[in-house]
Amino acid sequence: APIVEELIFRGLLWRSMEILKIESRHIMWITTLLFALAHFEAFSR
């Protein structure tokens, strides 16, 4: 979990937003929202 989730959220998604010139503080909150939603996704199942 620590390796895979960080690879995605603080790696792939973070780097993608850096390339798009999104400010770091905004990246932090966007990835945090996506991270929370990823854990909420199982709620319906």
ModelCIF file with pLDDT and N, C-alpha, C, O atoms, coordinates in Angstrom:
data_MODEL
#
_entry.id   MODEL 
#
_entity.id                         1 
_entity.type                       polymer 
_entity.pdbx_number_of_molecules   1 
#
_entity_poly.entity_id                      1 
_entity_poly.type                           'polypeptide(L)' 
_entity_poly.nstd_linkage                   no 
_entity_poly.nstd_monomer                   no 
_entity_poly.pdbx_seq_one_letter_code       APIVEELIFRGLLWRSMEILKIESRHIMWITTLLFALAHFEAFSR 
_entity_poly.pdbx_seq_one_letter_code_can   APIVEELIFRGLLWRSMEILKIESRHIMWITTLLFALAHFEAFSR 
_entity_poly.pdbx_strand_id                 A 
#
loop_
_entity_poly_seq.entity_id 
_entity_poly_seq.num 
_entity_poly_seq.mon_id 
_entity_poly_seq.hetero 
1 1  ALA n 
1 2  PRO n 
1 3  ILE n 
1 4  VAL n 
1 5  GLU n 
1 6  GLU n 
1 7  LEU n 
1 8  ILE n 
1 9  PHE n 
1 10 ARG n 
1 11 GLY n 
1 12 LEU n 
1 13 LEU n 
1 14 TRP n 
1 15 ARG n 
1 16 SER n 
1 17 MET n 
1 18 GLU n 
1 19 ILE n 
1 20 LEU n 
1 21 LYS n 
1 22 ILE n 
1 23 GLU n 
1 24 SER n 
1 25 ARG n 
1 26 HIS n 
1 27 ILE n 
1 28 MET n 
1 29 TRP n 
1 30 ILE n 
1 31 THR n 
1 32 THR n 
1 33 LEU n 
1 34 LEU n 
1 35 PHE n 
1 36 ALA n 
1 37 LEU n 
1 38 ALA n 
1 39 HIS n 
1 40 PHE n 
1 41 GLU n 
1 42 ALA n 
1 43 PHE n 
1 44 SER n 
1 45 ARG n 
#
_struct_asym.id          A 
_struct_asym.entity_id   1 
#
loop_
_ma_qa_metric.id 
_ma_qa_metric.mode 
_ma_qa_metric.name 
_ma_qa_metric.software_group_id 
_ma_qa_metric.type 
1 global pLDDT . pLDDT 
2 local  pLDDT . pLDDT 
#
_ma_qa_metric_global.metric_id      1 
_ma_qa_metric_global.metric_value   93.51 
_ma_qa_metric_global.model_id       1 
_ma_qa_metric_global.ordinal_id     1 
#
loop_
_ma_qa_metric_local.label_asym_id 
_ma_qa_metric_local.label_comp_id 
_ma_qa_metric_local.label_seq_id 
_ma_qa_metric_local.metric_id 
_ma_qa_metric_local.metric_value 
_ma_qa_metric_local.model_id 
_ma_qa_metric_local.ordinal_id 
A ALA 1  2 95.00 1 1  
A PRO 2  2 97.00 1 2  
A ILE 3  2 95.00 1 3  
A VAL 4  2 94.00 1 4  
A GLU 5  2 95.00 1 5  
A GLU 6  2 96.00 1 6  
A LEU 7  2 94.00 1 7  
A ILE 8  2 95.00 1 8  
A PHE 9  2 96.00 1 9  
A ARG 10 2 95.00 1 10 
A GLY 11 2 93.00 1 11 
A LEU 12 2 93.00 1 12 
A LEU 13 2 95.00 1 13 
A TRP 14 2 95.00 1 14 
A ARG 15 2 92.00 1 15 
A SER 16 2 93.00 1 16 
A MET 17 2 95.00 1 17 
A GLU 18 2 92.00 1 18 
A ILE 19 2 92.00 1 19 
A LEU 20 2 94.00 1 20 
A LYS 21 2 94.00 1 21 
A ILE 22 2 95.00 1 22 
A GLU 23 2 96.00 1 23 
A SER 24 2 93.00 1 24 
A ARG 25 2 93.00 1 25 
A HIS 26 2 97.00 1 26 
A ILE 27 2 97.00 1 27 
A MET 28 2 97.00 1 28 
A TRP 29 2 97.00 1 29 
A ILE 30 2 96.00 1 30 
A THR 31 2 97.00 1 31 
A THR 32 2 97.00 1 32 
A LEU 33 2 96.00 1 33 
A LEU 34 2 94.00 1 34 
A PHE 35 2 96.00 1 35 
A ALA 36 2 96.00 1 36 
A LEU 37 2 93.00 1 37 
A ALA 38 2 91.00 1 38 
A HIS 39 2 92.00 1 39 
A PHE 40 2 93.00 1 40 
A GLU 41 2 86.00 1 41 
A ALA 42 2 84.00 1 42 
A PHE 43 2 89.00 1 43 
A SER 44 2 82.00 1 44 
A ARG 45 2 81.00 1 45 
#
loop_
_atom_site.group_PDB 
_atom_site.id 
_atom_site.type_symbol 
_atom_site.label_atom_id 
_atom_site.label_alt_id 
_atom_site.label_comp_id 
_atom_site.label_asym_id 
_atom_site.label_entity_id 
_atom_site.label_seq_id 
_atom_site.pdbx_PDB_ins_code 
_atom_site.Cartn_x 
_atom_site.Cartn_y 
_atom_site.Cartn_z 
_atom_site.occupancy 
_atom_site.B_iso_or_equiv 
_atom_site.pdbx_formal_charge 
_atom_site.auth_seq_id 
_atom_site.auth_comp_id 
_atom_site.auth_asym_id 
_atom_site.auth_atom_id 
_atom_site.pdbx_PDB_model_num 
ATOM 1   N N  . ALA A 1 1  ? 0.811   -1.224 0.000   1.00 95.00 ? 1  ALA A N  1 
ATOM 2   C CA . ALA A 1 1  ? 0.000   0.000  0.000   1.00 95.00 ? 1  ALA A CA 1 
ATOM 3   C C  . ALA A 1 1  ? 0.846   1.277  0.000   1.00 95.00 ? 1  ALA A C  1 
ATOM 4   O O  . ALA A 1 1  ? 0.593   2.158  -0.822  1.00 95.00 ? 1  ALA A O  1 
ATOM 5   N N  . PRO A 1 2  ? 1.844   1.417  0.889   1.00 97.00 ? 2  PRO A N  1 
ATOM 6   C CA . PRO A 1 2  ? 2.629   2.660  0.870   1.00 97.00 ? 2  PRO A CA 1 
ATOM 7   C C  . PRO A 1 2  ? 3.336   2.898  -0.467  1.00 97.00 ? 2  PRO A C  1 
ATOM 8   O O  . PRO A 1 2  ? 3.366   4.028  -0.956  1.00 97.00 ? 2  PRO A O  1 
ATOM 9   N N  . ILE A 1 3  ? 3.899   1.854  -1.055  1.00 95.00 ? 3  ILE A N  1 
ATOM 10  C CA . ILE A 1 3  ? 4.642   2.024  -2.304  1.00 95.00 ? 3  ILE A CA 1 
ATOM 11  C C  . ILE A 1 3  ? 3.706   2.327  -3.466  1.00 95.00 ? 3  ILE A C  1 
ATOM 12  O O  . ILE A 1 3  ? 3.920   3.284  -4.210  1.00 95.00 ? 3  ILE A O  1 
ATOM 13  N N  . VAL A 1 4  ? 2.668   1.510  -3.618  1.00 94.00 ? 4  VAL A N  1 
ATOM 14  C CA . VAL A 1 4  ? 1.784   1.657  -4.776  1.00 94.00 ? 4  VAL A CA 1 
ATOM 15  C C  . VAL A 1 4  ? 0.982   2.953  -4.706  1.00 94.00 ? 4  VAL A C  1 
ATOM 16  O O  . VAL A 1 4  ? 0.887   3.672  -5.701  1.00 94.00 ? 4  VAL A O  1 
ATOM 17  N N  . GLU A 1 5  ? 0.412   3.257  -3.558  1.00 95.00 ? 5  GLU A N  1 
ATOM 18  C CA . GLU A 1 5  ? -0.417  4.457  -3.448  1.00 95.00 ? 5  GLU A CA 1 
ATOM 19  C C  . GLU A 1 5  ? 0.400   5.727  -3.620  1.00 95.00 ? 5  GLU A C  1 
ATOM 20  O O  . GLU A 1 5  ? -0.068  6.684  -4.237  1.00 95.00 ? 5  GLU A O  1 
ATOM 21  N N  . GLU A 1 6  ? 1.610   5.748  -3.086  1.00 96.00 ? 6  GLU A N  1 
ATOM 22  C CA . GLU A 1 6  ? 2.458   6.934  -3.280  1.00 96.00 ? 6  GLU A CA 1 
ATOM 23  C C  . GLU A 1 6  ? 2.956   7.027  -4.713  1.00 96.00 ? 6  GLU A C  1 
ATOM 24  O O  . GLU A 1 6  ? 3.101   8.128  -5.244  1.00 96.00 ? 6  GLU A O  1 
ATOM 25  N N  . LEU A 1 7  ? 3.214   5.907  -5.336  1.00 94.00 ? 7  LEU A N  1 
ATOM 26  C CA . LEU A 1 7  ? 3.620   5.906  -6.747  1.00 94.00 ? 7  LEU A CA 1 
ATOM 27  C C  . LEU A 1 7  ? 2.549   6.559  -7.612  1.00 94.00 ? 7  LEU A C  1 
ATOM 28  O O  . LEU A 1 7  ? 2.857   7.283  -8.558  1.00 94.00 ? 7  LEU A O  1 
ATOM 29  N N  . ILE A 1 8  ? 1.286   6.295  -7.277  1.00 95.00 ? 8  ILE A N  1 
ATOM 30  C CA . ILE A 1 8  ? 0.184   6.860  -8.051  1.00 95.00 ? 8  ILE A CA 1 
ATOM 31  C C  . ILE A 1 8  ? -0.082  8.311  -7.671  1.00 95.00 ? 8  ILE A C  1 
ATOM 32  O O  . ILE A 1 8  ? -0.076  9.186  -8.537  1.00 95.00 ? 8  ILE A O  1 
ATOM 33  N N  . PHE A 1 9  ? -0.317  8.578  -6.383  1.00 96.00 ? 9  PHE A N  1 
ATOM 34  C CA . PHE A 1 9  ? -0.809  9.895  -5.975  1.00 96.00 ? 9  PHE A CA 1 
ATOM 35  C C  . PHE A 1 9  ? 0.291   10.945 -5.861  1.00 96.00 ? 9  PHE A C  1 
ATOM 36  O O  . PHE A 1 9  ? 0.103   12.076 -6.309  1.00 96.00 ? 9  PHE A O  1 
ATOM 37  N N  . ARG A 1 10 ? 1.426   10.600 -5.277  1.00 95.00 ? 10 ARG A N  1 
ATOM 38  C CA . ARG A 1 10 ? 2.517   11.573 -5.180  1.00 95.00 ? 10 ARG A CA 1 
ATOM 39  C C  . ARG A 1 10 ? 3.542   11.374 -6.280  1.00 95.00 ? 10 ARG A C  1 
ATOM 40  O O  . ARG A 1 10 ? 4.524   12.113 -6.351  1.00 95.00 ? 10 ARG A O  1 
ATOM 41  N N  . GLY A 1 11 ? 3.327   10.378 -7.146  1.00 93.00 ? 11 GLY A N  1 
ATOM 42  C CA . GLY A 1 11 ? 4.197   10.148 -8.289  1.00 93.00 ? 11 GLY A CA 1 
ATOM 43  C C  . GLY A 1 11 ? 3.520   10.530 -9.580  1.00 93.00 ? 11 GLY A C  1 
ATOM 44  O O  . GLY A 1 11 ? 3.723   11.632 -10.089 1.00 93.00 ? 11 GLY A O  1 
ATOM 45  N N  . LEU A 1 12 ? 2.710   9.625  -10.123 1.00 93.00 ? 12 LEU A N  1 
ATOM 46  C CA . LEU A 1 12 ? 2.102   9.818  -11.440 1.00 93.00 ? 12 LEU A CA 1 
ATOM 47  C C  . LEU A 1 12 ? 1.198   11.047 -11.496 1.00 93.00 ? 12 LEU A C  1 
ATOM 48  O O  . LEU A 1 12 ? 1.385   11.912 -12.352 1.00 93.00 ? 12 LEU A O  1 
ATOM 49  N N  . LEU A 1 13 ? 0.224   11.134 -10.597 1.00 95.00 ? 13 LEU A N  1 
ATOM 50  C CA . LEU A 1 13 ? -0.724  12.245 -10.649 1.00 95.00 ? 13 LEU A CA 1 
ATOM 51  C C  . LEU A 1 13 ? -0.053  13.569 -10.302 1.00 95.00 ? 13 LEU A C  1 
ATOM 52  O O  . LEU A 1 13 ? -0.335  14.595 -10.921 1.00 95.00 ? 13 LEU A O  1 
ATOM 53  N N  . TRP A 1 14 ? 0.832   13.544 -9.316  1.00 95.00 ? 14 TRP A N  1 
ATOM 54  C CA . TRP A 1 14 ? 1.558   14.767 -8.918  1.00 95.00 ? 14 TRP A CA 1 
ATOM 55  C C  . TRP A 1 14 ? 2.400   15.281 -10.076 1.00 95.00 ? 14 TRP A C  1 
ATOM 56  O O  . TRP A 1 14 ? 2.362   16.468 -10.399 1.00 95.00 ? 14 TRP A O  1 
ATOM 57  N N  . ARG A 1 15 ? 3.167   14.377 -10.708 1.00 92.00 ? 15 ARG A N  1 
ATOM 58  C CA . ARG A 1 15 ? 4.035   14.775 -11.812 1.00 92.00 ? 15 ARG A CA 1 
ATOM 59  C C  . ARG A 1 15 ? 3.215   15.283 -12.996 1.00 92.00 ? 15 ARG A C  1 
ATOM 60  O O  . ARG A 1 15 ? 3.614   16.229 -13.674 1.00 92.00 ? 15 ARG A O  1 
ATOM 61  N N  . SER A 1 16 ? 2.077   14.655 -13.238 1.00 93.00 ? 16 SER A N  1 
ATOM 62  C CA . SER A 1 16 ? 1.212   15.096 -14.336 1.00 93.00 ? 16 SER A CA 1 
ATOM 63  C C  . SER A 1 16 ? 0.769   16.529 -14.124 1.00 93.00 ? 16 SER A C  1 
ATOM 64  O O  . SER A 1 16 ? 0.774   17.323 -15.065 1.00 93.00 ? 16 SER A O  1 
ATOM 65  N N  . MET A 1 17 ? 0.387   16.873 -12.902 1.00 95.00 ? 17 MET A N  1 
ATOM 66  C CA . MET A 1 17 ? -0.071  18.238 -12.617 1.00 95.00 ? 17 MET A CA 1 
ATOM 67  C C  . MET A 1 17 ? 1.086   19.227 -12.627 1.00 95.00 ? 17 MET A C  1 
ATOM 68  O O  . MET A 1 17 ? 0.904   20.390 -12.988 1.00 95.00 ? 17 MET A O  1 
ATOM 69  N N  . GLU A 1 18 ? 2.277   18.773 -12.232 1.00 92.00 ? 18 GLU A N  1 
ATOM 70  C CA . GLU A 1 18 ? 3.455   19.649 -12.345 1.00 92.00 ? 18 GLU A CA 1 
ATOM 71  C C  . GLU A 1 18 ? 3.701   20.023 -13.797 1.00 92.00 ? 18 GLU A C  1 
ATOM 72  O O  . GLU A 1 18 ? 3.988   21.180 -14.101 1.00 92.00 ? 18 GLU A O  1 
ATOM 73  N N  . ILE A 1 19 ? 3.592   19.055 -14.690 1.00 92.00 ? 19 ILE A N  1 
ATOM 74  C CA . ILE A 1 19 ? 3.810   19.305 -16.114 1.00 92.00 ? 19 ILE A CA 1 
ATOM 75  C C  . ILE A 1 19 ? 2.801   20.309 -16.641 1.00 92.00 ? 19 ILE A C  1 
ATOM 76  O O  . ILE A 1 19 ? 3.113   21.103 -17.528 1.00 92.00 ? 19 ILE A O  1 
ATOM 77  N N  . LEU A 1 20 ? 1.584   20.275 -16.091 1.00 94.00 ? 20 LEU A N  1 
ATOM 78  C CA . LEU A 1 20 ? 0.541   21.201 -16.513 1.00 94.00 ? 20 LEU A CA 1 
ATOM 79  C C  . LEU A 1 20 ? 0.638   22.548 -15.796 1.00 94.00 ? 20 LEU A C  1 
ATOM 80  O O  . LEU A 1 20 ? -0.256  23.387 -15.917 1.00 94.00 ? 20 LEU A O  1 
ATOM 81  N N  . LYS A 1 21 ? 1.724   22.751 -15.050 1.00 94.00 ? 21 LYS A N  1 
ATOM 82  C CA . LYS A 1 21 ? 2.029   24.027 -14.377 1.00 94.00 ? 21 LYS A CA 1 
ATOM 83  C C  . LYS A 1 21 ? 1.022   24.388 -13.292 1.00 94.00 ? 21 LYS A C  1 
ATOM 84  O O  . LYS A 1 21 ? 0.767   25.566 -13.038 1.00 94.00 ? 21 LYS A O  1 
ATOM 85  N N  . ILE A 1 22 ? 0.456   23.378 -12.659 1.00 95.00 ? 22 ILE A N  1 
ATOM 86  C CA . ILE A 1 22 ? -0.436  23.623 -11.527 1.00 95.00 ? 22 ILE A CA 1 
ATOM 87  C C  . ILE A 1 22 ? 0.421   23.873 -10.293 1.00 95.00 ? 22 ILE A C  1 
ATOM 88  O O  . ILE A 1 22 ? 1.416   23.181 -10.079 1.00 95.00 ? 22 ILE A O  1 
ATOM 89  N N  . GLU A 1 23 ? 0.043   24.858 -9.478  1.00 96.00 ? 23 GLU A N  1 
ATOM 90  C CA . GLU A 1 23 ? 0.826   25.204 -8.297  1.00 96.00 ? 23 GLU A CA 1 
ATOM 91  C C  . GLU A 1 23 ? 0.869   24.045 -7.314  1.00 96.00 ? 23 GLU A C  1 
ATOM 92  O O  . GLU A 1 23 ? -0.093  23.288 -7.183  1.00 96.00 ? 23 GLU A O  1 
ATOM 93  N N  . SER A 1 24 ? 2.003   23.917 -6.623  1.00 93.00 ? 24 SER A N  1 
ATOM 94  C CA . SER A 1 24 ? 2.218   22.787 -5.722  1.00 93.00 ? 24 SER A CA 1 
ATOM 95  C C  . SER A 1 24 ? 1.164   22.708 -4.625  1.00 93.00 ? 24 SER A C  1 
ATOM 96  O O  . SER A 1 24 ? 0.704   21.619 -4.284  1.00 93.00 ? 24 SER A O  1 
ATOM 97  N N  . ARG A 1 25 ? 0.779   23.854 -4.072  1.00 93.00 ? 25 ARG A N  1 
ATOM 98  C CA . ARG A 1 25 ? -0.214  23.824 -2.997  1.00 93.00 ? 25 ARG A CA 1 
ATOM 99  C C  . ARG A 1 25 ? -1.570  23.341 -3.506  1.00 93.00 ? 25 ARG A C  1 
ATOM 100 O O  . ARG A 1 25 ? -2.327  22.711 -2.768  1.00 93.00 ? 25 ARG A O  1 
ATOM 101 N N  . HIS A 1 26 ? -1.874  23.638 -4.772  1.00 97.00 ? 26 HIS A N  1 
ATOM 102 C CA . HIS A 1 26 ? -3.112  23.141 -5.359  1.00 97.00 ? 26 HIS A CA 1 
ATOM 103 C C  . HIS A 1 26 ? -3.008  21.640 -5.644  1.00 97.00 ? 26 HIS A C  1 
ATOM 104 O O  . HIS A 1 26 ? -3.971  20.893 -5.474  1.00 97.00 ? 26 HIS A O  1 
ATOM 105 N N  . ILE A 1 27 ? -1.820  21.217 -6.081  1.00 97.00 ? 27 ILE A N  1 
ATOM 106 C CA . ILE A 1 27 ? -1.598  19.785 -6.316  1.00 97.00 ? 27 ILE A CA 1 
ATOM 107 C C  . ILE A 1 27 ? -1.816  19.009 -5.024  1.00 97.00 ? 27 ILE A C  1 
ATOM 108 O O  . ILE A 1 27 ? -2.424  17.940 -5.031  1.00 97.00 ? 27 ILE A O  1 
ATOM 109 N N  . MET A 1 28 ? -1.316  19.551 -3.917  1.00 97.00 ? 28 MET A N  1 
ATOM 110 C CA . MET A 1 28 ? -1.456  18.872 -2.633  1.00 97.00 ? 28 MET A CA 1 
ATOM 111 C C  . MET A 1 28 ? -2.922  18.615 -2.302  1.00 97.00 ? 28 MET A C  1 
ATOM 112 O O  . MET A 1 28 ? -3.285  17.517 -1.880  1.00 97.00 ? 28 MET A O  1 
ATOM 113 N N  . TRP A 1 29 ? -3.767  19.634 -2.495  1.00 97.00 ? 29 TRP A N  1 
ATOM 114 C CA . TRP A 1 29 ? -5.184  19.482 -2.145  1.00 97.00 ? 29 TRP A CA 1 
ATOM 115 C C  . TRP A 1 29 ? -5.930  18.624 -3.159  1.00 97.00 ? 29 TRP A C  1 
ATOM 116 O O  . TRP A 1 29 ? -6.851  17.896 -2.790  1.00 97.00 ? 29 TRP A O  1 
ATOM 117 N N  . ILE A 1 30 ? -5.550  18.698 -4.420  1.00 96.00 ? 30 ILE A N  1 
ATOM 118 C CA . ILE A 1 30 ? -6.213  17.866 -5.433  1.00 96.00 ? 30 ILE A CA 1 
ATOM 119 C C  . ILE A 1 30 ? -5.889  16.390 -5.199  1.00 96.00 ? 30 ILE A C  1 
ATOM 120 O O  . ILE A 1 30 ? -6.780  15.543 -5.241  1.00 96.00 ? 30 ILE A O  1 
ATOM 121 N N  . THR A 1 31 ? -4.617  16.087 -4.954  1.00 97.00 ? 31 THR A N  1 
ATOM 122 C CA . THR A 1 31 ? -4.247  14.691 -4.714  1.00 97.00 ? 31 THR A CA 1 
ATOM 123 C C  . THR A 1 31 ? -4.847  14.183 -3.407  1.00 97.00 ? 31 THR A C  1 
ATOM 124 O O  . THR A 1 31 ? -5.184  13.004 -3.298  1.00 97.00 ? 31 THR A O  1 
ATOM 125 N N  . THR A 1 32 ? -4.981  15.055 -2.422  1.00 97.00 ? 32 THR A N  1 
ATOM 126 C CA . THR A 1 32 ? -5.612  14.654 -1.162  1.00 97.00 ? 32 THR A CA 1 
ATOM 127 C C  . THR A 1 32 ? -7.080  14.306 -1.390  1.00 97.00 ? 32 THR A C  1 
ATOM 128 O O  . THR A 1 32 ? -7.577  13.321 -0.844  1.00 97.00 ? 32 THR A O  1 
ATOM 129 N N  . LEU A 1 33 ? -7.768  15.101 -2.184  1.00 96.00 ? 33 LEU A N  1 
ATOM 130 C CA . LEU A 1 33 ? -9.166  14.810 -2.501  1.00 96.00 ? 33 LEU A CA 1 
ATOM 131 C C  . LEU A 1 33 ? -9.292  13.491 -3.243  1.00 96.00 ? 33 LEU A C  1 
ATOM 132 O O  . LEU A 1 33 ? -10.156 12.675 -2.919  1.00 96.00 ? 33 LEU A O  1 
ATOM 133 N N  . LEU A 1 34 ? -8.437  13.273 -4.237  1.00 94.00 ? 34 LEU A N  1 
ATOM 134 C CA . LEU A 1 34 ? -8.477  12.024 -5.002  1.00 94.00 ? 34 LEU A CA 1 
ATOM 135 C C  . LEU A 1 34 ? -8.125  10.830 -4.127  1.00 94.00 ? 34 LEU A C  1 
ATOM 136 O O  . LEU A 1 34 ? -8.689  9.748  -4.288  1.00 94.00 ? 34 LEU A O  1 
ATOM 137 N N  . PHE A 1 35 ? -7.188  11.028 -3.198  1.00 96.00 ? 35 PHE A N  1 
ATOM 138 C CA . PHE A 1 35 ? -6.777  9.967  -2.283  1.00 96.00 ? 35 PHE A CA 1 
ATOM 139 C C  . PHE A 1 35 ? -7.945  9.556  -1.380  1.00 96.00 ? 35 PHE A C  1 
ATOM 140 O O  . PHE A 1 35 ? -8.186  8.369  -1.159  1.00 96.00 ? 35 PHE A O  1 
ATOM 141 N N  . ALA A 1 36 ? -8.660  10.551 -0.866  1.00 96.00 ? 36 ALA A N  1 
ATOM 142 C CA . ALA A 1 36 ? -9.814  10.261 -0.022  1.00 96.00 ? 36 ALA A CA 1 
ATOM 143 C C  . ALA A 1 36 ? -10.914 9.565  -0.817  1.00 96.00 ? 36 ALA A C  1 
ATOM 144 O O  . ALA A 1 36 ? -11.526 8.615  -0.328  1.00 96.00 ? 36 ALA A O  1 
ATOM 145 N N  . LEU A 1 37 ? -11.166 10.026 -2.029  1.00 93.00 ? 37 LEU A N  1 
ATOM 146 C CA . LEU A 1 37 ? -12.195 9.409  -2.866  1.00 93.00 ? 37 LEU A CA 1 
ATOM 147 C C  . LEU A 1 37 ? -11.835 7.971  -3.225  1.00 93.00 ? 37 LEU A C  1 
ATOM 148 O O  . LEU A 1 37 ? -12.715 7.118  -3.343  1.00 93.00 ? 37 LEU A O  1 
ATOM 149 N N  . ALA A 1 38 ? -10.538 7.703  -3.398  1.00 91.00 ? 38 ALA A N  1 
ATOM 150 C CA . ALA A 1 38 ? -10.109 6.343  -3.712  1.00 91.00 ? 38 ALA A CA 1 
ATOM 151 C C  . ALA A 1 38 ? -10.433 5.388  -2.575  1.00 91.00 ? 38 ALA A C  1 
ATOM 152 O O  . ALA A 1 38 ? -10.745 4.221  -2.809  1.00 91.00 ? 38 ALA A O  1 
ATOM 153 N N  . HIS A 1 39 ? -10.360 5.884  -1.335  1.00 92.00 ? 39 HIS A N  1 
ATOM 154 C CA . HIS A 1 39 ? -10.685 5.041  -0.189  1.00 92.00 ? 39 HIS A CA 1 
ATOM 155 C C  . HIS A 1 39 ? -12.197 4.974  0.055   1.00 92.00 ? 39 HIS A C  1 
ATOM 156 O O  . HIS A 1 39 ? -12.687 4.029  0.672   1.00 92.00 ? 39 HIS A O  1 
ATOM 157 N N  . PHE A 1 40 ? -12.918 5.962  -0.421  1.00 93.00 ? 40 PHE A N  1 
ATOM 158 C CA . PHE A 1 40 ? -14.379 5.951  -0.281  1.00 93.00 ? 40 PHE A CA 1 
ATOM 159 C C  . PHE A 1 40 ? -15.034 5.073  -1.340  1.00 93.00 ? 40 PHE A C  1 
ATOM 160 O O  . PHE A 1 40 ? -16.173 4.637  -1.173  1.00 93.00 ? 40 PHE A O  1 
ATOM 161 N N  . GLU A 1 41 ? -14.325 4.818  -2.413  1.00 86.00 ? 41 GLU A N  1 
ATOM 162 C CA . GLU A 1 41 ? -14.886 4.107  -3.573  1.00 86.00 ? 41 GLU A CA 1 
ATOM 163 C C  . GLU A 1 41 ? -15.522 2.775  -3.198  1.00 86.00 ? 41 GLU A C  1 
ATOM 164 O O  . GLU A 1 41 ? -16.487 2.352  -3.836  1.00 86.00 ? 41 GLU A O  1 
ATOM 165 N N  . ALA A 1 42 ? -14.999 2.110  -2.175  1.00 84.00 ? 42 ALA A N  1 
ATOM 166 C CA . ALA A 1 42 ? -15.512 0.786  -1.788  1.00 84.00 ? 42 ALA A CA 1 
ATOM 167 C C  . ALA A 1 42 ? -16.848 0.867  -1.055  1.00 84.00 ? 42 ALA A C  1 
ATOM 168 O O  . ALA A 1 42 ? -17.480 -0.164 -0.824  1.00 84.00 ? 42 ALA A O  1 
ATOM 169 N N  . PHE A 1 43 ? -17.289 2.058  -0.688  1.00 89.00 ? 43 PHE A N  1 
ATOM 170 C CA . PHE A 1 43 ? -18.489 2.221  0.144   1.00 89.00 ? 43 PHE A CA 1 
ATOM 171 C C  . PHE A 1 43 ? -19.710 1.518  -0.442  1.00 89.00 ? 43 PHE A C  1 
ATOM 172 O O  . PHE A 1 43 ? -20.474 0.883  0.285   1.00 89.00 ? 43 PHE A O  1 
ATOM 173 N N  . SER A 1 44 ? -19.892 1.629  -1.746  1.00 82.00 ? 44 SER A N  1 
ATOM 174 C CA . SER A 1 44 ? -21.089 1.056  -2.378  1.00 82.00 ? 44 SER A CA 1 
ATOM 175 C C  . SER A 1 44 ? -20.986 -0.449 -2.566  1.00 82.00 ? 44 SER A C  1 
ATOM 176 O O  . SER A 1 44 ? -21.969 -1.090 -2.937  1.00 82.00 ? 44 SER A O  1 
ATOM 177 N N  . ARG A 1 45 ? -19.811 -1.026 -2.318  1.00 81.00 ? 45 ARG A N  1 
ATOM 178 C CA . ARG A 1 45 ? -19.605 -2.449 -2.592  1.00 81.00 ? 45 ARG A CA 1 
ATOM 179 C C  . ARG A 1 45 ? -19.420 -3.294 -1.339  1.00 81.00 ? 45 ARG A C  1 
ATOM 180 O O  . ARG A 1 45 ? -19.239 -4.508 -1.434  1.00 81.00 ? 45 ARG A O  1 
#
